[in-house]
Amino acid sequence: MAGAVYFKSFLWLTALGGLGYGLLQLTQPSEEKLSKIREYSKSTSLTEEEKRKILFMQKLQEAAGESKPVYIQRSDKENK
């Protein structure tokens, strides 16, 4: 009787493992699909939102590299 439990467990383990492996092989992208994905991602242009984010990050990096705070730089430019 106790052997039946182990046999059922082994069958379930094998069946679910095989199902998982089958799904893995089924959903694995081929080189052709990967090249199509790469071509599509290169051809898409940036949206306005993404352009603004990139510009903001560039301004932030410029401000981080300077010794004067941004608010002092602005007041210096307004006084000139």
N, C-alpha and C. Protein backbone atom coordinates (compact mmCIF):
# COMPACT_ATOMS: atom_id res chain seq x y z
N MET A 1 0.82 -1.19 0.00
CA MET A 1 0.00 0.00 0.00
C MET A 1 0.87 1.26 0.00
N ALA A 2 1.92 1.22 0.79
CA ALA A 2 2.79 2.40 0.86
C ALA A 2 3.53 2.60 -0.44
N GLY A 3 3.77 1.52 -1.18
CA GLY A 3 4.48 1.63 -2.45
C GLY A 3 3.66 2.35 -3.50
N ALA A 4 2.33 2.29 -3.42
CA ALA A 4 1.46 2.94 -4.39
C ALA A 4 1.60 4.46 -4.30
N VAL A 5 1.79 4.97 -3.08
CA VAL A 5 1.94 6.42 -2.89
C VAL A 5 3.21 6.90 -3.58
N TYR A 6 4.30 6.15 -3.43
CA TYR A 6 5.55 6.53 -4.06
C TYR A 6 5.45 6.43 -5.58
N PHE A 7 4.76 5.41 -6.06
CA PHE A 7 4.58 5.24 -7.49
C PHE A 7 3.76 6.39 -8.07
N LYS A 8 2.68 6.78 -7.40
CA LYS A 8 1.85 7.91 -7.87
C LYS A 8 2.67 9.20 -7.84
N SER A 9 3.43 9.38 -6.79
CA SER A 9 4.25 10.59 -6.69
C SER A 9 5.27 10.65 -7.82
N PHE A 10 5.87 9.50 -8.12
CA PHE A 10 6.84 9.45 -9.22
C PHE A 10 6.17 9.75 -10.55
N LEU A 11 4.98 9.22 -10.77
CA LEU A 11 4.25 9.50 -12.01
C LEU A 11 3.91 10.98 -12.14
N TRP A 12 3.41 11.58 -11.07
CA TRP A 12 3.07 13.01 -11.10
C TRP A 12 4.32 13.86 -11.33
N LEU A 13 5.40 13.50 -10.65
CA LEU A 13 6.65 14.25 -10.82
C LEU A 13 7.13 14.17 -12.26
N THR A 14 7.10 12.99 -12.83
CA THR A 14 7.53 12.81 -14.21
C THR A 14 6.62 13.55 -15.19
N ALA A 15 5.30 13.45 -14.98
CA ALA A 15 4.34 14.10 -15.88
C ALA A 15 4.48 15.62 -15.83
N LEU A 16 4.54 16.19 -14.64
CA LEU A 16 4.66 17.65 -14.51
C LEU A 16 6.03 18.15 -14.97
N GLY A 17 7.06 17.38 -14.72
CA GLY A 17 8.39 17.75 -15.22
C GLY A 17 8.43 17.73 -16.74
N GLY A 18 7.81 16.72 -17.33
CA GLY A 18 7.74 16.64 -18.79
C GLY A 18 6.92 17.77 -19.37
N LEU A 19 5.81 18.11 -18.70
CA LEU A 19 4.97 19.23 -19.15
C LEU A 19 5.76 20.54 -19.10
N GLY A 20 6.49 20.75 -18.02
CA GLY A 20 7.31 21.96 -17.89
C GLY A 20 8.38 22.04 -18.96
N TYR A 21 9.04 20.91 -19.23
CA TYR A 21 10.07 20.88 -20.26
C TYR A 21 9.47 21.14 -21.64
N GLY A 22 8.30 20.56 -21.89
CA GLY A 22 7.62 20.77 -23.17
C GLY A 22 7.25 22.23 -23.36
N LEU A 23 6.73 22.87 -22.32
CA LEU A 23 6.39 24.30 -22.41
C LEU A 23 7.64 25.15 -22.61
N LEU A 24 8.73 24.76 -21.98
CA LEU A 24 9.99 25.48 -22.14
C LEU A 24 10.45 25.42 -23.59
N GLN A 25 10.40 24.24 -24.19
CA GLN A 25 10.82 24.09 -25.57
C GLN A 25 9.87 24.80 -26.54
N LEU A 26 8.59 24.79 -26.20
CA LEU A 26 7.59 25.41 -27.06
C LEU A 26 7.72 26.93 -27.09
N THR A 27 8.03 27.54 -25.96
CA THR A 27 8.08 28.99 -25.86
C THR A 27 9.48 29.57 -26.08
N GLN A 28 10.48 28.73 -26.28
CA GLN A 28 11.84 29.21 -26.49
C GLN A 28 11.94 29.87 -27.87
N PRO A 29 12.36 31.14 -27.93
CA PRO A 29 12.42 31.84 -29.23
C PRO A 29 13.59 31.33 -30.07
N SER A 30 13.38 31.27 -31.35
CA SER A 30 14.44 30.87 -32.28
C SER A 30 15.28 32.10 -32.63
N GLU A 31 16.38 31.86 -33.32
CA GLU A 31 17.23 32.98 -33.75
C GLU A 31 16.49 33.90 -34.70
N GLU A 32 15.61 33.33 -35.52
CA GLU A 32 14.84 34.14 -36.46
C GLU A 32 13.92 35.10 -35.72
N LYS A 33 13.25 34.60 -34.68
CA LYS A 33 12.37 35.45 -33.90
C LYS A 33 13.16 36.52 -33.15
N LEU A 34 14.31 36.13 -32.62
CA LEU A 34 15.14 37.10 -31.90
C LEU A 34 15.64 38.20 -32.83
N SER A 35 16.00 37.84 -34.05
CA SER A 35 16.48 38.87 -34.98
C SER A 35 15.34 39.81 -35.37
N LYS A 36 14.12 39.28 -35.51
CA LYS A 36 12.97 40.15 -35.81
C LYS A 36 12.71 41.11 -34.65
N ILE A 37 12.83 40.63 -33.44
CA ILE A 37 12.61 41.48 -32.26
C ILE A 37 13.67 42.58 -32.21
N ARG A 38 14.92 42.23 -32.48
CA ARG A 38 16.00 43.22 -32.47
C ARG A 38 15.79 44.29 -33.54
N GLU A 39 15.37 43.85 -34.73
CA GLU A 39 15.13 44.81 -35.81
C GLU A 39 13.99 45.76 -35.46
N TYR A 40 12.94 45.22 -34.85
CA TYR A 40 11.79 46.05 -34.49
C TYR A 40 12.16 47.06 -33.42
N SER A 41 12.94 46.62 -32.43
CA SER A 41 13.29 47.53 -31.35
C SER A 41 14.22 48.64 -31.83
N LYS A 42 15.03 48.38 -32.84
CA LYS A 42 15.90 49.43 -33.39
C LYS A 42 15.11 50.44 -34.20
N SER A 43 14.07 49.97 -34.88
CA SER A 43 13.35 50.85 -35.79
C SER A 43 12.34 51.75 -35.08
N THR A 44 11.94 51.41 -33.86
CA THR A 44 10.96 52.25 -33.18
C THR A 44 11.63 53.53 -32.69
N SER A 45 10.98 54.64 -32.91
CA SER A 45 11.54 55.91 -32.48
C SER A 45 11.05 56.23 -31.07
N LEU A 46 11.72 57.17 -30.45
CA LEU A 46 11.37 57.55 -29.09
C LEU A 46 10.13 58.43 -29.09
N THR A 47 9.31 58.24 -28.07
CA THR A 47 8.13 59.09 -27.93
C THR A 47 8.56 60.41 -27.30
N GLU A 48 7.67 61.36 -27.30
CA GLU A 48 7.97 62.67 -26.71
C GLU A 48 8.27 62.53 -25.21
N GLU A 49 7.54 61.66 -24.55
CA GLU A 49 7.76 61.45 -23.12
C GLU A 49 9.17 60.92 -22.86
N GLU A 50 9.60 59.95 -23.66
CA GLU A 50 10.94 59.40 -23.49
C GLU A 50 12.01 60.43 -23.82
N LYS A 51 11.78 61.26 -24.82
CA LYS A 51 12.73 62.32 -25.15
C LYS A 51 12.88 63.31 -24.00
N ARG A 52 11.74 63.67 -23.38
CA ARG A 52 11.79 64.59 -22.24
C ARG A 52 12.54 63.97 -21.07
N LYS A 53 12.33 62.68 -20.84
CA LYS A 53 13.03 62.01 -19.74
C LYS A 53 14.53 61.99 -19.99
N ILE A 54 14.93 61.72 -21.23
CA ILE A 54 16.35 61.70 -21.56
C ILE A 54 16.96 63.09 -21.40
N LEU A 55 16.27 64.12 -21.86
CA LEU A 55 16.76 65.49 -21.71
C LEU A 55 16.88 65.87 -20.24
N PHE A 56 15.89 65.49 -19.43
CA PHE A 56 15.94 65.77 -18.00
C PHE A 56 17.13 65.09 -17.35
N MET A 57 17.40 63.83 -17.71
CA MET A 57 18.52 63.11 -17.12
C MET A 57 19.85 63.74 -17.54
N GLN A 58 19.94 64.24 -18.78
CA GLN A 58 21.16 64.92 -19.21
C GLN A 58 21.37 66.20 -18.42
N LYS A 59 20.32 66.98 -18.23
CA LYS A 59 20.43 68.21 -17.44
C LYS A 59 20.82 67.90 -16.00
N LEU A 60 20.25 66.82 -15.47
CA LEU A 60 20.56 66.42 -14.10
C LEU A 60 22.02 66.02 -13.97
N GLN A 61 22.55 65.31 -14.95
CA GLN A 61 23.95 64.92 -14.91
C GLN A 61 24.87 66.13 -15.04
N GLU A 62 24.49 67.09 -15.87
CA GLU A 62 25.28 68.31 -15.99
C GLU A 62 25.31 69.08 -14.68
N ALA A 63 24.17 69.16 -14.04
CA ALA A 63 24.08 69.89 -12.77
C ALA A 63 24.86 69.18 -11.67
N ALA A 64 24.89 67.87 -11.72
CA ALA A 64 25.62 67.11 -10.70
C ALA A 64 27.12 67.29 -10.84
N GLY A 65 27.59 67.56 -12.05
CA GLY A 65 29.02 67.70 -12.28
C GLY A 65 29.57 69.07 -11.95
N GLU A 66 28.72 70.06 -11.74
CA GLU A 66 29.19 71.42 -11.46
C GLU A 66 29.23 71.66 -9.95
N SER A 67 30.07 72.62 -9.56
CA SER A 67 30.26 72.86 -8.13
C SER A 67 29.18 73.77 -7.55
N LYS A 68 28.61 74.67 -8.37
CA LYS A 68 27.59 75.58 -7.85
C LYS A 68 26.21 74.92 -7.93
N PRO A 69 25.37 75.16 -6.94
CA PRO A 69 24.01 74.65 -7.01
C PRO A 69 23.22 75.31 -8.14
N VAL A 70 22.19 74.65 -8.60
CA VAL A 70 21.41 75.12 -9.75
C VAL A 70 20.75 76.46 -9.43
N TYR A 71 20.23 76.63 -8.24
CA TYR A 71 19.52 77.86 -7.91
C TYR A 71 20.46 79.07 -7.88
N ILE A 72 21.74 78.85 -7.56
CA ILE A 72 22.70 79.95 -7.59
C ILE A 72 23.06 80.28 -9.03
N GLN A 73 23.18 79.27 -9.88
CA GLN A 73 23.50 79.50 -11.29
C GLN A 73 22.38 80.29 -11.95
N ARG A 74 21.16 79.98 -11.63
CA ARG A 74 20.05 80.68 -12.23
C ARG A 74 20.04 82.16 -11.80
N SER A 75 20.31 82.40 -10.51
CA SER A 75 20.30 83.80 -10.05
C SER A 75 21.47 84.57 -10.65
N ASP A 76 22.60 83.90 -10.90
CA ASP A 76 23.74 84.55 -11.55
C ASP A 76 23.39 84.94 -12.99
N LYS A 77 22.69 84.08 -13.69
CA LYS A 77 22.32 84.36 -15.07
C LYS A 77 21.30 85.49 -15.14
N GLU A 78 20.40 85.57 -14.16
CA GLU A 78 19.36 86.61 -14.16
C GLU A 78 19.97 87.97 -13.84
N ASN A 79 21.01 88.00 -13.02
CA ASN A 79 21.65 89.25 -12.64
C ASN A 79 22.50 89.82 -13.78
N LYS A 80 22.92 89.01 -14.68
CA LYS A 80 23.80 89.50 -15.76
C LYS A 80 23.04 90.16 -16.85
